[in-house]
């Protein structure tokens, strides 16, 4: 088992790598005419890569849900292993999509109200 400090340094390196990936994705999509497509892609990629889940069922340390799901689905428990990491990812993706749509509607209404004044 790893100590808490090992998980901290692992997360620090992992988040740095994900930040570089998200920046690269933004750079590639920066000229996309429809900003919503760019925003949705980056939000969903960030949620997919950064959702945490406990590394082991009996351990309180967190690990990226994507890797936990991949490991448990392929190696540890092929029948139901993917569900432990995939369920939080799907839930957070749904929540983030709903929040993004709500925020876009609020901003649209504010802009519409400002243009009338």
N, C-alpha and C. Protein backbone atom coordinates (compact mmCIF):
# COMPACT_ATOMS: atom_id res chain seq x y z
N UNK A 1 0.84 -1.18 0.00
CA UNK A 1 0.00 0.00 0.00
C UNK A 1 0.89 1.25 0.00
N UNK A 2 0.34 2.25 -0.61
CA UNK A 2 1.05 3.52 -0.67
C UNK A 2 0.60 4.42 0.47
N UNK A 3 1.46 5.37 0.83
CA UNK A 3 1.12 6.34 1.87
C UNK A 3 0.34 7.49 1.25
N UNK A 4 -0.24 8.32 2.10
CA UNK A 4 -1.01 9.47 1.63
C UNK A 4 -0.18 10.43 0.80
N UNK A 5 1.09 10.59 1.16
CA UNK A 5 1.97 11.49 0.41
C UNK A 5 2.22 10.98 -1.01
N UNK A 6 2.31 9.67 -1.17
CA UNK A 6 2.49 9.10 -2.51
C UNK A 6 1.29 9.40 -3.40
N UNK A 7 0.08 9.28 -2.83
CA UNK A 7 -1.12 9.61 -3.60
C UNK A 7 -1.15 11.10 -3.94
N UNK A 8 -0.72 11.94 -3.01
CA UNK A 8 -0.68 13.38 -3.27
C UNK A 8 0.23 13.70 -4.45
N UNK A 9 1.43 13.16 -4.44
CA UNK A 9 2.37 13.43 -5.53
C UNK A 9 1.89 12.83 -6.84
N UNK A 10 1.27 11.67 -6.75
CA UNK A 10 0.70 11.06 -7.95
C UNK A 10 -0.39 11.93 -8.54
N UNK A 11 -1.28 12.44 -7.69
CA UNK A 11 -2.34 13.33 -8.18
C UNK A 11 -1.76 14.62 -8.74
N UNK A 12 -0.73 15.14 -8.12
CA UNK A 12 -0.12 16.38 -8.61
C UNK A 12 0.42 16.20 -10.03
N UNK A 13 1.12 15.10 -10.26
CA UNK A 13 1.66 14.82 -11.59
C UNK A 13 0.52 14.55 -12.57
N UNK A 14 -0.47 13.79 -12.14
CA UNK A 14 -1.60 13.44 -13.00
C UNK A 14 -2.39 14.69 -13.41
N UNK A 15 -2.68 15.57 -12.46
CA UNK A 15 -3.42 16.80 -12.77
C UNK A 15 -2.60 17.70 -13.69
N UNK A 16 -1.30 17.73 -13.52
CA UNK A 16 -0.45 18.50 -14.43
C UNK A 16 -0.54 17.95 -15.85
N UNK A 17 -0.52 16.65 -15.99
CA UNK A 17 -0.66 16.04 -17.31
C UNK A 17 -2.02 16.28 -17.92
N UNK A 18 -3.08 16.19 -17.12
CA UNK A 18 -4.43 16.45 -17.62
C UNK A 18 -4.58 17.91 -18.03
N UNK A 19 -3.96 18.80 -17.28
CA UNK A 19 -3.99 20.22 -17.65
C UNK A 19 -3.34 20.44 -19.00
N UNK A 20 -2.23 19.79 -19.25
CA UNK A 20 -1.57 19.90 -20.56
C UNK A 20 -2.46 19.32 -21.66
N UNK A 21 -3.12 18.20 -21.39
CA UNK A 21 -4.03 17.62 -22.39
C UNK A 21 -5.21 18.54 -22.68
N UNK A 22 -5.79 19.12 -21.64
CA UNK A 22 -6.92 20.02 -21.83
C UNK A 22 -6.50 21.29 -22.57
N UNK A 23 -5.31 21.79 -22.26
CA UNK A 23 -4.81 22.95 -22.99
C UNK A 23 -4.60 22.61 -24.46
N UNK A 24 -4.07 21.42 -24.72
CA UNK A 24 -3.87 21.00 -26.11
C UNK A 24 -5.21 20.87 -26.83
N UNK A 25 -6.20 20.31 -26.14
CA UNK A 25 -7.53 20.21 -26.72
C UNK A 25 -8.13 21.57 -27.01
N UNK A 26 -7.95 22.51 -26.09
CA UNK A 26 -8.44 23.86 -26.31
C UNK A 26 -7.72 24.49 -27.51
N UNK A 27 -6.42 24.28 -27.59
CA UNK A 27 -5.63 24.88 -28.67
C UNK A 27 -6.08 24.34 -30.03
N UNK A 28 -6.36 23.05 -30.09
CA UNK A 28 -6.81 22.44 -31.34
C UNK A 28 -8.20 22.95 -31.71
N UNK A 29 -9.06 23.13 -30.72
CA UNK A 29 -10.45 23.53 -30.98
C UNK A 29 -10.70 25.04 -30.89
N UNK A 30 -9.67 25.84 -30.73
CA UNK A 30 -9.86 27.28 -30.49
C UNK A 30 -10.52 28.00 -31.66
N UNK A 31 -10.40 27.51 -32.87
CA UNK A 31 -11.01 28.16 -34.03
C UNK A 31 -12.36 27.57 -34.40
N UNK A 32 -12.90 26.72 -33.55
CA UNK A 32 -14.22 26.15 -33.80
C UNK A 32 -15.25 27.27 -33.74
N UNK A 33 -16.09 27.35 -34.76
CA UNK A 33 -17.06 28.44 -34.84
C UNK A 33 -18.13 28.36 -33.77
N UNK A 34 -18.53 27.17 -33.41
CA UNK A 34 -19.56 27.00 -32.39
C UNK A 34 -18.86 26.78 -31.04
N UNK A 35 -18.91 27.80 -30.19
CA UNK A 35 -18.20 27.75 -28.91
C UNK A 35 -18.75 26.66 -28.00
N UNK A 36 -20.03 26.37 -28.11
CA UNK A 36 -20.63 25.35 -27.24
C UNK A 36 -20.01 23.98 -27.46
N UNK A 37 -19.66 23.66 -28.68
CA UNK A 37 -19.01 22.38 -28.96
C UNK A 37 -17.66 22.31 -28.26
N UNK A 38 -16.90 23.38 -28.36
CA UNK A 38 -15.59 23.44 -27.70
C UNK A 38 -15.75 23.33 -26.19
N UNK A 39 -16.69 24.08 -25.62
CA UNK A 39 -16.91 24.04 -24.18
C UNK A 39 -17.33 22.65 -23.71
N UNK A 40 -18.28 22.05 -24.43
CA UNK A 40 -18.75 20.73 -24.03
C UNK A 40 -17.65 19.68 -24.11
N UNK A 41 -16.86 19.72 -25.16
CA UNK A 41 -15.75 18.78 -25.29
C UNK A 41 -14.78 18.92 -24.12
N UNK A 42 -14.40 20.14 -23.79
CA UNK A 42 -13.43 20.36 -22.72
C UNK A 42 -14.02 20.00 -21.36
N UNK A 43 -15.28 20.33 -21.13
CA UNK A 43 -15.91 19.98 -19.85
C UNK A 43 -16.00 18.47 -19.69
N UNK A 44 -16.47 17.79 -20.71
CA UNK A 44 -16.61 16.33 -20.62
C UNK A 44 -15.26 15.63 -20.51
N UNK A 45 -14.26 16.15 -21.20
CA UNK A 45 -12.91 15.57 -21.08
C UNK A 45 -12.36 15.77 -19.68
N UNK A 46 -12.56 16.96 -19.11
CA UNK A 46 -12.08 17.23 -17.75
C UNK A 46 -12.80 16.34 -16.74
N UNK A 47 -14.11 16.19 -16.88
CA UNK A 47 -14.85 15.34 -15.95
C UNK A 47 -14.40 13.89 -16.10
N UNK A 48 -14.24 13.42 -17.32
CA UNK A 48 -13.82 12.04 -17.57
C UNK A 48 -12.45 11.76 -16.95
N UNK A 49 -11.54 12.68 -17.09
CA UNK A 49 -10.18 12.45 -16.62
C UNK A 49 -9.96 12.76 -15.14
N UNK A 50 -10.76 13.65 -14.57
CA UNK A 50 -10.48 14.12 -13.21
C UNK A 50 -11.45 13.62 -12.14
N UNK A 51 -12.42 12.82 -12.49
CA UNK A 51 -13.34 12.30 -11.48
C UNK A 51 -12.61 11.32 -10.56
N UNK A 52 -12.64 11.58 -9.24
CA UNK A 52 -11.96 10.67 -8.32
C UNK A 52 -12.90 9.61 -7.76
N UNK A 53 -12.32 8.51 -7.36
CA UNK A 53 -13.03 7.43 -6.67
C UNK A 53 -12.00 6.77 -5.76
N UNK A 54 -12.46 6.08 -4.73
CA UNK A 54 -11.50 5.43 -3.84
C UNK A 54 -10.69 4.39 -4.62
N UNK A 55 -9.42 4.36 -4.35
CA UNK A 55 -8.52 3.48 -5.10
C UNK A 55 -8.84 2.01 -4.85
N UNK A 56 -9.10 1.68 -3.61
CA UNK A 56 -9.49 0.33 -3.23
C UNK A 56 -10.75 0.45 -2.39
N UNK A 57 -11.55 -0.57 -2.38
CA UNK A 57 -12.83 -0.51 -1.66
C UNK A 57 -12.62 -0.24 -0.17
N UNK A 58 -11.59 -0.79 0.43
CA UNK A 58 -11.36 -0.63 1.85
C UNK A 58 -10.34 0.47 2.18
N UNK A 59 -10.01 1.31 1.22
CA UNK A 59 -9.00 2.37 1.41
C UNK A 59 -9.64 3.72 1.12
N UNK A 60 -9.25 4.75 1.87
CA UNK A 60 -9.87 6.07 1.69
C UNK A 60 -9.12 6.95 0.68
N UNK A 61 -8.00 6.50 0.16
CA UNK A 61 -7.25 7.30 -0.81
C UNK A 61 -7.98 7.32 -2.16
N UNK A 62 -7.85 8.44 -2.85
CA UNK A 62 -8.56 8.61 -4.11
C UNK A 62 -7.64 8.37 -5.30
N UNK A 63 -8.23 7.90 -6.38
CA UNK A 63 -7.53 7.68 -7.64
C UNK A 63 -8.48 8.09 -8.77
N UNK A 64 -7.96 8.36 -9.96
CA UNK A 64 -8.85 8.70 -11.08
C UNK A 64 -9.80 7.54 -11.39
N UNK A 65 -11.08 7.86 -11.49
CA UNK A 65 -12.11 6.83 -11.69
C UNK A 65 -11.90 6.09 -13.01
N UNK A 66 -11.39 6.79 -14.01
CA UNK A 66 -11.14 6.15 -15.30
C UNK A 66 -10.17 4.98 -15.16
N UNK A 67 -9.08 5.20 -14.44
CA UNK A 67 -8.09 4.14 -14.29
C UNK A 67 -8.58 3.04 -13.36
N UNK A 68 -9.30 3.40 -12.32
CA UNK A 68 -9.86 2.38 -11.42
C UNK A 68 -10.83 1.49 -12.18
N UNK A 69 -11.69 2.12 -12.98
CA UNK A 69 -12.65 1.36 -13.77
C UNK A 69 -11.95 0.46 -14.77
N UNK A 70 -10.95 0.98 -15.43
CA UNK A 70 -10.20 0.19 -16.41
C UNK A 70 -9.50 -0.99 -15.75
N UNK A 71 -8.85 -0.74 -14.61
CA UNK A 71 -8.15 -1.82 -13.92
C UNK A 71 -9.12 -2.89 -13.42
N UNK A 72 -10.17 -2.46 -12.74
CA UNK A 72 -11.09 -3.45 -12.18
C UNK A 72 -11.88 -4.17 -13.27
N UNK A 73 -12.16 -3.48 -14.37
CA UNK A 73 -12.90 -4.13 -15.44
C UNK A 73 -12.08 -5.13 -16.22
N UNK A 74 -10.81 -4.87 -16.37
CA UNK A 74 -9.96 -5.77 -17.15
C UNK A 74 -9.27 -6.84 -16.31
N UNK A 75 -8.89 -6.49 -15.08
CA UNK A 75 -8.06 -7.40 -14.30
C UNK A 75 -8.77 -7.95 -13.07
N UNK A 76 -9.25 -7.07 -12.22
CA UNK A 76 -9.72 -7.50 -10.90
C UNK A 76 -11.08 -8.21 -10.95
N UNK A 77 -12.08 -7.57 -11.58
CA UNK A 77 -13.43 -8.13 -11.58
C UNK A 77 -14.08 -7.84 -12.93
N UNK A 78 -13.83 -8.65 -13.93
CA UNK A 78 -14.32 -8.35 -15.28
C UNK A 78 -15.84 -8.27 -15.42
N UNK A 79 -16.59 -8.89 -14.53
CA UNK A 79 -18.05 -8.90 -14.68
C UNK A 79 -18.65 -7.54 -14.32
N UNK A 80 -18.32 -7.00 -13.16
CA UNK A 80 -18.92 -5.73 -12.70
C UNK A 80 -17.88 -4.66 -12.40
N UNK A 81 -16.66 -4.87 -12.75
CA UNK A 81 -15.59 -3.96 -12.38
C UNK A 81 -15.68 -2.57 -12.97
N UNK A 82 -16.18 -2.47 -14.21
CA UNK A 82 -16.25 -1.17 -14.85
C UNK A 82 -17.22 -0.23 -14.14
N UNK A 83 -18.19 -0.77 -13.45
CA UNK A 83 -19.25 0.04 -12.86
C UNK A 83 -18.77 0.93 -11.72
N UNK A 84 -17.80 0.50 -10.95
CA UNK A 84 -17.36 1.29 -9.79
C UNK A 84 -16.75 2.61 -10.20
N UNK A 85 -16.05 2.66 -11.30
CA UNK A 85 -15.48 3.91 -11.77
C UNK A 85 -16.37 4.63 -12.77
N UNK A 86 -17.14 3.88 -13.53
CA UNK A 86 -17.97 4.49 -14.57
C UNK A 86 -19.19 5.20 -14.01
N UNK A 87 -19.77 4.71 -12.93
CA UNK A 87 -20.96 5.33 -12.36
C UNK A 87 -20.72 6.78 -11.92
N UNK A 88 -19.64 7.08 -11.19
CA UNK A 88 -19.40 8.48 -10.84
C UNK A 88 -19.09 9.35 -12.06
N UNK A 89 -18.42 8.78 -13.04
CA UNK A 89 -18.11 9.56 -14.25
C UNK A 89 -19.40 9.94 -14.97
N UNK A 90 -20.29 9.00 -15.16
CA UNK A 90 -21.54 9.27 -15.86
C UNK A 90 -22.39 10.26 -15.06
N UNK A 91 -22.44 10.10 -13.75
CA UNK A 91 -23.22 11.02 -12.91
C UNK A 91 -22.67 12.43 -12.99
N UNK A 92 -21.36 12.58 -12.90
CA UNK A 92 -20.76 13.92 -12.96
C UNK A 92 -20.86 14.52 -14.35
N UNK A 93 -20.78 13.70 -15.39
CA UNK A 93 -20.96 14.23 -16.75
C UNK A 93 -22.38 14.75 -16.93
N UNK A 94 -23.36 14.01 -16.44
CA UNK A 94 -24.75 14.46 -16.53
C UNK A 94 -24.95 15.76 -15.77
N UNK A 95 -24.43 15.82 -14.55
CA UNK A 95 -24.55 17.04 -13.74
C UNK A 95 -23.85 18.22 -14.40
N UNK A 96 -22.67 18.00 -14.93
CA UNK A 96 -21.93 19.10 -15.56
C UNK A 96 -22.63 19.58 -16.83
N UNK A 97 -23.22 18.66 -17.59
CA UNK A 97 -23.99 19.08 -18.78
C UNK A 97 -25.20 19.91 -18.39
N UNK A 98 -25.92 19.48 -17.36
CA UNK A 98 -27.08 20.24 -16.90
C UNK A 98 -26.67 21.63 -16.40
N UNK A 99 -25.58 21.70 -15.65
CA UNK A 99 -25.10 23.00 -15.17
C UNK A 99 -24.63 23.89 -16.31
N UNK A 100 -23.97 23.30 -17.28
CA UNK A 100 -23.51 24.09 -18.42
C UNK A 100 -24.69 24.65 -19.22
N UNK A 101 -25.68 23.82 -19.47
CA UNK A 101 -26.86 24.28 -20.22
C UNK A 101 -27.58 25.38 -19.45
N UNK A 102 -27.72 25.20 -18.15
CA UNK A 102 -28.36 26.22 -17.31
C UNK A 102 -27.58 27.53 -17.35
N UNK A 103 -26.28 27.44 -17.23
CA UNK A 103 -25.44 28.64 -17.28
C UNK A 103 -25.53 29.34 -18.63
N UNK A 104 -25.52 28.56 -19.70
CA UNK A 104 -25.65 29.16 -21.04
C UNK A 104 -26.99 29.86 -21.20
N UNK A 105 -28.06 29.28 -20.68
CA UNK A 105 -29.38 29.91 -20.77
C UNK A 105 -29.43 31.20 -19.96
N UNK A 106 -28.83 31.21 -18.78
CA UNK A 106 -28.80 32.42 -17.95
C UNK A 106 -28.00 33.52 -18.65
N UNK A 107 -26.85 33.19 -19.19
CA UNK A 107 -26.04 34.18 -19.91
C UNK A 107 -26.78 34.69 -21.13
N UNK A 108 -27.44 33.81 -21.86
CA UNK A 108 -28.21 34.21 -23.04
C UNK A 108 -29.32 35.18 -22.66
N UNK A 109 -30.02 34.88 -21.57
CA UNK A 109 -31.10 35.78 -21.12
C UNK A 109 -30.56 37.13 -20.69
N UNK A 110 -29.44 37.13 -19.99
CA UNK A 110 -28.84 38.40 -19.57
C UNK A 110 -28.41 39.24 -20.77
N UNK A 111 -27.82 38.61 -21.76
CA UNK A 111 -27.41 39.33 -22.96
C UNK A 111 -28.63 39.86 -23.71
N UNK A 112 -29.68 39.04 -23.77
CA UNK A 112 -30.91 39.45 -24.45
C UNK A 112 -31.54 40.64 -23.73
N UNK A 113 -31.56 40.60 -22.41
CA UNK A 113 -32.13 41.69 -21.61
C UNK A 113 -31.29 42.97 -21.76
N UNK A 114 -29.97 42.82 -21.82
CA UNK A 114 -29.09 43.99 -21.98
C UNK A 114 -29.26 44.64 -23.34
N UNK A 115 -29.44 43.82 -24.37
CA UNK A 115 -29.57 44.37 -25.71
C UNK A 115 -30.89 45.11 -25.87
N UNK A 116 -31.93 44.77 -25.11
CA UNK A 116 -33.20 45.48 -25.16
C UNK A 116 -33.10 46.86 -24.52
N UNK A 117 -32.22 47.00 -23.54
CA UNK A 117 -32.11 48.29 -22.81
C UNK A 117 -31.41 49.35 -23.58
